[in-house]
PDB file of N, CA and C in Angstrom:
ATOM      1  N   UNK A   1       0.939  -1.203   0.033  1.00  0.00           N
ATOM      2  CA  UNK A   1      -0.164  -0.017  -0.065  1.00  0.00           C
ATOM      3  C   UNK A   1       1.059   1.180   0.102  1.00  0.00           C
ATOM      4  N   UNK A   2       0.762   2.063  -0.930  1.00  0.00           N
ATOM      5  CA  UNK A   2       1.531   3.385  -0.986  1.00  0.00           C
ATOM      6  C   UNK A   2       0.790   4.500  -0.528  1.00  0.00           C
ATOM      7  N   UNK A   3       1.295   5.264   0.268  1.00  0.00           N
ATOM      8  CA  UNK A   3       0.695   6.657   0.590  1.00  0.00           C
ATOM      9  C   UNK A   3       1.598   7.814   0.654  1.00  0.00           C
ATOM     10  N   UNK A   4       1.240   8.931   0.796  1.00  0.00           N
ATOM     11  CA  UNK A   4       2.108  10.181   0.616  1.00  0.00           C
ATOM     12  C   UNK A   4       1.711  10.753   1.998  1.00  0.00           C
ATOM     13  N   UNK A   5       2.754  11.691   2.393  1.00  0.00           N
ATOM     14  CA  UNK A   5       2.586  12.705   3.522  1.00  0.00           C
ATOM     15  C   UNK A   5       3.375  13.859   3.167  1.00  0.00           C
ATOM     16  N   UNK A   6       3.092  15.149   3.569  1.00  0.00           N
ATOM     17  CA  UNK A   6       3.841  16.235   3.426  1.00  0.00           C
ATOM     18  C   UNK A   6       4.572  16.724   4.643  1.00  0.00           C
ATOM     19  N   UNK A   7       5.689  17.071   4.641  1.00  0.00           N
ATOM     20  CA  UNK A   7       6.468  17.708   5.698  1.00  0.00           C
ATOM     21  C   UNK A   7       5.981  19.070   5.896  1.00  0.00           C
ATOM     22  N   UNK A   8       5.432  19.527   7.223  1.00  0.00           N
ATOM     23  CA  UNK A   8       4.883  20.877   7.532  1.00  0.00           C
ATOM     24  C   UNK A   8       5.939  21.812   7.705  1.00  0.00           C
ATOM     25  N   UNK A   9       5.560  23.154   7.917  1.00  0.00           N
ATOM     26  CA  UNK A   9       6.636  24.129   8.160  1.00  0.00           C
ATOM     27  C   UNK A   9       7.049  23.699   9.619  1.00  0.00           C
ATOM     28  N   UNK A  10       6.383  23.019  10.589  1.00  0.00           N
ATOM     29  CA  UNK A  10       6.834  22.709  11.823  1.00  0.00           C
ATOM     30  C   UNK A  10       7.588  21.407  11.771  1.00  0.00           C
ATOM     31  N   UNK A  11       7.975  20.944  10.599  1.00  0.00           N
ATOM     32  CA  UNK A  11       8.672  19.548  10.463  1.00  0.00           C
ATOM     33  C   UNK A  11       7.841  18.434  11.177  1.00  0.00           C
ATOM     34  N   UNK A  12       6.481  18.548  10.739  1.00  0.00           N
ATOM     35  CA  UNK A  12       5.625  17.309  11.200  1.00  0.00           C
ATOM     36  C   UNK A  12       5.104  16.659  10.148  1.00  0.00           C
ATOM     37  N   UNK A  13       4.820  15.417  10.470  1.00  0.00           N
ATOM     38  CA  UNK A  13       4.225  14.450   9.405  1.00  0.00           C
ATOM     39  C   UNK A  13       3.164  13.862  10.011  1.00  0.00           C
ATOM     40  N   UNK A  14       1.918  13.843   9.182  1.00  0.00           N
ATOM     41  CA  UNK A  14       0.855  13.161   9.725  1.00  0.00           C
ATOM     42  C   UNK A  14       0.882  11.809   8.848  1.00  0.00           C
ATOM     43  N   UNK A  15       0.704  10.629   9.626  1.00  0.00           N
ATOM     44  CA  UNK A  15       0.663   9.360   8.962  1.00  0.00           C
ATOM     45  C   UNK A  15      -0.632   9.143   8.439  1.00  0.00           C
ATOM     46  N   UNK A  16      -0.834   8.845   7.141  1.00  0.00           N
ATOM     47  CA  UNK A  16      -2.185   8.421   6.509  1.00  0.00           C
ATOM     48  C   UNK A  16      -2.930   7.589   7.355  1.00  0.00           C
ATOM     49  N   UNK A  17      -4.334   7.762   7.485  1.00  0.00           N
ATOM     50  CA  UNK A  17      -5.201   6.913   8.152  1.00  0.00           C
ATOM     51  C   UNK A  17      -5.099   5.453   7.858  1.00  0.00           C
ATOM     52  N   UNK A  18      -5.029   5.288   6.217  1.00  0.00           N
ATOM     53  CA  UNK A  18      -4.877   3.778   5.879  1.00  0.00           C
ATOM     54  C   UNK A  18      -3.795   3.068   6.295  1.00  0.00           C
ATOM     55  N   UNK A  19      -2.660   3.788   6.420  1.00  0.00           N
ATOM     56  CA  UNK A  19      -1.501   3.209   6.976  1.00  0.00           C
ATOM     57  C   UNK A  19      -1.691   2.938   8.452  1.00  0.00           C
ATOM     58  N   UNK A  20      -2.010   3.870   9.286  1.00  0.00           N
ATOM     59  CA  UNK A  20      -2.116   3.705  10.565  1.00  0.00           C
ATOM     60  C   UNK A  20      -3.179   2.627  11.060  1.00  0.00           C
ATOM     61  N   UNK A  21      -4.305   2.349  10.181  1.00  0.00           N
ATOM     62  CA  UNK A  21      -5.162   1.301  10.573  1.00  0.00           C
ATOM     63  C   UNK A  21      -4.521   0.010  10.065  1.00  0.00           C
ATOM     64  N   UNK A  22      -4.010  -0.070   8.936  1.00  0.00           N
ATOM     65  CA  UNK A  22      -3.187  -1.333   8.514  1.00  0.00           C
ATOM     66  C   UNK A  22      -2.406  -1.968   9.517  1.00  0.00           C
ATOM     67  N   UNK A  23      -1.314  -1.028  10.248  1.00  0.00           N
ATOM     68  CA  UNK A  23      -0.353  -1.347  11.140  1.00  0.00           C
ATOM     69  C   UNK A  23      -0.973  -1.399  12.482  1.00  0.00           C
ATOM     70  N   UNK A  24      -2.301  -0.930  12.695  1.00  0.00           N
ATOM     71  CA  UNK A  24      -2.749  -0.852  14.049  1.00  0.00           C
ATOM     72  C   UNK A  24      -1.989   0.131  15.043  1.00  0.00           C
ATOM     73  N   UNK A  25      -1.380   1.273  14.446  1.00  0.00           N
ATOM     74  CA  UNK A  25      -0.784   2.285  15.239  1.00  0.00           C
ATOM     75  C   UNK A  25      -1.752   3.188  15.856  1.00  0.00           C
ATOM     76  N   UNK A  26      -1.549   3.530  17.086  1.00  0.00           N
ATOM     77  CA  UNK A  26      -2.476   4.391  18.007  1.00  0.00           C
ATOM     78  C   UNK A  26      -1.656   5.719  18.358  1.00  0.00           C
ATOM     79  N   UNK A  27      -2.670   6.723  18.677  1.00  0.00           N
ATOM     80  CA  UNK A  27      -2.037   7.985  19.107  1.00  0.00           C
ATOM     81  C   UNK A  27      -0.944   7.794  20.285  1.00  0.00           C
ATOM     82  N   UNK A  28      -0.063   8.241  20.484  1.00  0.00           N
ATOM     83  CA  UNK A  28       0.777   8.238  21.673  1.00  0.00           C
ATOM     84  C   UNK A  28       1.900   7.177  21.481  1.00  0.00           C
ATOM     85  N   UNK A  29       1.618   6.323  20.410  1.00  0.00           N
ATOM     86  CA  UNK A  29       2.651   5.308  20.231  1.00  0.00           C
ATOM     87  C   UNK A  29       4.131   5.772  19.776  1.00  0.00           C
ATOM     88  N   UNK A  30       5.042   5.150  20.318  1.00  0.00           N
ATOM     89  CA  UNK A  30       6.539   5.618  20.180  1.00  0.00           C
ATOM     90  C   UNK A  30       6.965   4.977  18.937  1.00  0.00           C
ATOM     91  N   UNK A  31       7.559   5.742  18.164  1.00  0.00           N
ATOM     92  CA  UNK A  31       8.072   5.255  16.735  1.00  0.00           C
ATOM     93  C   UNK A  31       9.693   5.777  16.696  1.00  0.00           C
ATOM     94  N   UNK A  32      10.312   5.097  15.923  1.00  0.00           N
ATOM     95  CA  UNK A  32      11.827   5.365  15.851  1.00  0.00           C
ATOM     96  C   UNK A  32      12.086   5.593  14.296  1.00  0.00           C
ATOM     97  N   UNK A  33      12.812   6.402  13.998  1.00  0.00           N
ATOM     98  CA  UNK A  33      13.302   6.558  12.408  1.00  0.00           C
ATOM     99  C   UNK A  33      14.689   6.053  12.310  1.00  0.00           C
ATOM    100  N   UNK A  34      14.805   5.058  11.231  1.00  0.00           N
ATOM    101  CA  UNK A  34      16.146   4.610  11.050  1.00  0.00           C
ATOM    102  C   UNK A  34      16.455   5.015   9.658  1.00  0.00           C
ATOM    103  N   UNK A  35      17.548   5.619   9.525  1.00  0.00           N
ATOM    104  CA  UNK A  35      18.191   6.107   8.054  1.00  0.00           C
ATOM    105  C   UNK A  35      18.414   4.906   7.442  1.00  0.00           C
ATOM    106  N   UNK A  36      17.982   4.793   6.052  1.00  0.00           N
ATOM    107  CA  UNK A  36      18.210   3.897   5.095  1.00  0.00           C
ATOM    108  C   UNK A  36      18.695   4.483   3.727  1.00  0.00           C
ATOM    109  N   UNK A  37      19.843   4.758   3.451  1.00  0.00           N
ATOM    110  CA  UNK A  37      20.014   5.447   2.085  1.00  0.00           C
ATOM    111  C   UNK A  37      19.747   6.714   2.139  1.00  0.00           C
ATOM    112  N   UNK A  38      18.814   6.984   1.041  1.00  0.00           N
ATOM    113  CA  UNK A  38      18.182   8.312   0.903  1.00  0.00           C
ATOM    114  C   UNK A  38      16.892   8.413   1.668  1.00  0.00           C
ATOM    115  N   UNK A  39      16.374   7.420   2.329  1.00  0.00           N
ATOM    116  CA  UNK A  39      15.064   7.397   2.884  1.00  0.00           C
ATOM    117  C   UNK A  39      15.314   7.092   4.469  1.00  0.00           C
ATOM    118  N   UNK A  40      14.165   6.735   4.811  1.00  0.00           N
ATOM    119  CA  UNK A  40      14.049   6.540   6.265  1.00  0.00           C
ATOM    120  C   UNK A  40      13.009   5.330   6.557  1.00  0.00           C
ATOM    121  N   UNK A  41      13.305   4.365   7.492  1.00  0.00           N
ATOM    122  CA  UNK A  41      12.469   3.369   7.967  1.00  0.00           C
ATOM    123  C   UNK A  41      11.836   3.812   9.183  1.00  0.00           C
ATOM    124  N   UNK A  42      10.438   3.910   9.218  1.00  0.00           N
ATOM    125  CA  UNK A  42       9.663   4.229  10.491  1.00  0.00           C
ATOM    126  C   UNK A  42       9.313   3.006  11.089  1.00  0.00           C
ATOM    127  N   UNK A  43       9.568   2.600  12.287  1.00  0.00           N
ATOM    128  CA  UNK A  43       9.159   1.398  13.073  1.00  0.00           C
ATOM    129  C   UNK A  43       8.563   1.768  14.495  1.00  0.00           C
ATOM    130  N   UNK A  44       7.789   1.132  14.913  1.00  0.00           N
ATOM    131  CA  UNK A  44       7.263   1.286  16.276  1.00  0.00           C
ATOM    132  C   UNK A  44       8.177   0.622  17.195  1.00  0.00           C
ATOM    133  N   UNK A  45       8.452   1.346  18.435  1.00  0.00           N
ATOM    134  CA  UNK A  45       9.385   0.900  19.415  1.00  0.00           C
ATOM    135  C   UNK A  45       8.526  -0.186  20.107  1.00  0.00           C
ATOM    136  N   UNK A  46       8.971  -1.495  20.364  1.00  0.00           N
ATOM    137  CA  UNK A  46       8.374  -2.499  20.996  1.00  0.00           C
ATOM    138  C   UNK A  46       8.288  -2.264  22.583  1.00  0.00           C
ATOM    139  N   UNK A  47       7.275  -2.723  23.252  1.00  0.00           N
ATOM    140  CA  UNK A  47       7.332  -2.838  24.642  1.00  0.00           C
ATOM    141  C   UNK A  47       7.843  -4.031  25.163  1.00  0.00           C
ATOM    142  N   UNK A  48       8.051  -4.153  26.360  1.00  0.00           N
ATOM    143  CA  UNK A  48       8.841  -5.411  26.824  1.00  0.00           C
ATOM    144  C   UNK A  48       7.877  -6.588  26.706  1.00  0.00           C
ATOM    145  N   UNK A  49       6.688  -6.469  26.675  1.00  0.00           N
ATOM    146  CA  UNK A  49       5.883  -7.700  26.662  1.00  0.00           C
ATOM    147  C   UNK A  49       5.917  -8.281  25.204  1.00  0.00           C
ATOM    148  N   UNK A  50       6.160  -7.428  24.255  1.00  0.00           N
ATOM    149  CA  UNK A  50       6.295  -7.949  22.847  1.00  0.00           C
ATOM    150  C   UNK A  50       7.803  -8.520  22.620  1.00  0.00           C
ATOM    151  N   UNK A  51       8.615  -8.187  23.575  1.00  0.00           N
ATOM    152  CA  UNK A  51      10.072  -8.736  23.234  1.00  0.00           C
ATOM    153  C   UNK A  51      10.277 -10.033  24.076  1.00  0.00           C
ATOM    154  N   UNK A  52       9.271 -10.299  24.912  1.00  0.00           N
ATOM    155  CA  UNK A  52       9.399 -11.605  25.750  1.00  0.00           C
ATOM    156  C   UNK A  52       9.502 -12.850  24.905  1.00  0.00           C
ATOM    157  N   UNK A  53      10.615 -13.584  25.101  1.00  0.00           N
ATOM    158  CA  UNK A  53      10.644 -14.948  24.425  1.00  0.00           C
ATOM    159  C   UNK A  53      11.212 -14.906  23.142  1.00  0.00           C
ATOM    160  N   UNK A  54      11.822 -13.534  22.566  1.00  0.00           N
ATOM    161  CA  UNK A  54      12.226 -13.462  21.108  1.00  0.00           C
ATOM    162  C   UNK A  54      13.625 -14.202  21.066  1.00  0.00           C
ATOM    163  N   UNK A  55      14.325 -14.563  22.162  1.00  0.00           N
ATOM    164  CA  UNK A  55      15.507 -15.187  22.150  1.00  0.00           C
ATOM    165  C   UNK A  55      15.468 -16.572  22.509  1.00  0.00           C
ATOM    166  N   UNK A  56      14.371 -17.087  22.696  1.00  0.00           N
ATOM    167  CA  UNK A  56      14.158 -18.632  23.208  1.00  0.00           C
ATOM    168  C   UNK A  56      14.775 -19.460  22.122  1.00  0.00           C
ATOM    169  N   UNK A  57      15.793 -20.281  22.848  1.00  0.00           N
ATOM    170  CA  UNK A  57      16.458 -21.158  21.963  1.00  0.00           C
ATOM    171  C   UNK A  57      17.676 -20.553  21.266  1.00  0.00           C
ATOM    172  N   UNK A  58      18.124 -19.494  21.691  1.00  0.00           N
ATOM    173  CA  UNK A  58      19.354 -18.810  21.233  1.00  0.00           C
ATOM    174  C   UNK A  58      20.625 -19.502  21.846  1.00  0.00           C
ATOM    175  N   UNK A  59      21.682 -19.779  21.218  1.00  0.00           N
ATOM    176  CA  UNK A  59      22.768 -20.236  21.595  1.00  0.00           C
ATOM    177  C   UNK A  59      23.573 -19.250  22.518  1.00  0.00           C
ATOM    178  N   UNK A  60      23.961 -19.629  23.882  1.00  0.00           N
ATOM    179  CA  UNK A  60      24.571 -18.651  24.670  1.00  0.00           C
ATOM    180  C   UNK A  60      26.118 -19.042  24.688  1.00  0.00           C
ATOM    181  N   UNK A  61      26.551 -19.986  24.111  1.00  0.00           N
ATOM    182  CA  UNK A  61      28.047 -20.329  24.257  1.00  0.00           C
ATOM    183  C   UNK A  61      28.598 -19.363  23.266  1.00  0.00           C
ATOM    184  N   UNK A  62      29.864 -19.129  23.522  1.00  0.00           N
ATOM    185  CA  UNK A  62      30.814 -18.151  22.709  1.00  0.00           C
ATOM    186  C   UNK A  62      30.001 -16.827  22.739  1.00  0.00           C
ATOM    187  N   UNK A  63      29.565 -16.202  23.566  1.00  0.00           N
ATOM    188  CA  UNK A  63      29.008 -14.841  23.700  1.00  0.00           C
ATOM    189  C   UNK A  63      30.035 -13.888  24.249  1.00  0.00           C
ATOM    190  N   UNK A  64      30.019 -12.739  24.028  1.00  0.00           N
ATOM    191  CA  UNK A  64      30.761 -11.701  24.415  1.00  0.00           C
ATOM    192  C   UNK A  64      30.228 -11.344  25.646  1.00  0.00           C
ATOM    193  N   UNK A  65      31.220 -10.938  26.690  1.00  0.00           N
ATOM    194  CA  UNK A  65      30.802 -10.527  27.868  1.00  0.00           C
ATOM    195  C   UNK A  65      31.366  -9.099  28.244  1.00  0.00           C
ATOM    196  N   UNK A  66      31.183  -8.617  29.259  1.00  0.00           N
ATOM    197  CA  UNK A  66      31.632  -7.175  29.541  1.00  0.00           C
ATOM    198  C   UNK A  66      33.068  -7.051  29.801  1.00  0.00           C
ATOM    199  N   UNK A  67      33.668  -8.320  30.014  1.00  0.00           N
ATOM    200  CA  UNK A  67      35.283  -8.243  30.291  1.00  0.00           C
ATOM    201  C   UNK A  67      36.128  -8.141  29.015  1.00  0.00           C
ATOM    202  N   UNK A  68      35.482  -8.643  28.016  1.00  0.00           N
ATOM    203  CA  UNK A  68      36.304  -8.589  26.763  1.00  0.00           C
ATOM    204  C   UNK A  68      36.025  -7.307  25.917  1.00  0.00           C
ATOM    205  N   UNK A  69      35.331  -6.196  26.471  1.00  0.00           N
ATOM    206  CA  UNK A  69      34.924  -5.068  25.727  1.00  0.00           C
ATOM    207  C   UNK A  69      36.104  -4.102  25.954  1.00  0.00           C
ATOM    208  N   UNK A  70      36.489  -3.260  24.872  1.00  0.00           N
ATOM    209  CA  UNK A  70      37.524  -2.342  24.969  1.00  0.00           C
ATOM    210  C   UNK A  70      36.964  -1.199  26.032  1.00  0.00           C
TER     211      UNK A  70
END
């Protein structure tokens, strides 16, 4: 789904309603801007509940620890 928005004089952007509804974004939701080449990726910041269990089954051997950091 393609949609467009215009940067205002106050450097604000309104996210089109169709995009907000499709992604289920709500007012007050925190978003992060990630620079990508000549553009930007806009992603919601996950809360702790959404992150729970994402590393389940991850290998923990050969991991860096604080002692080997410069």
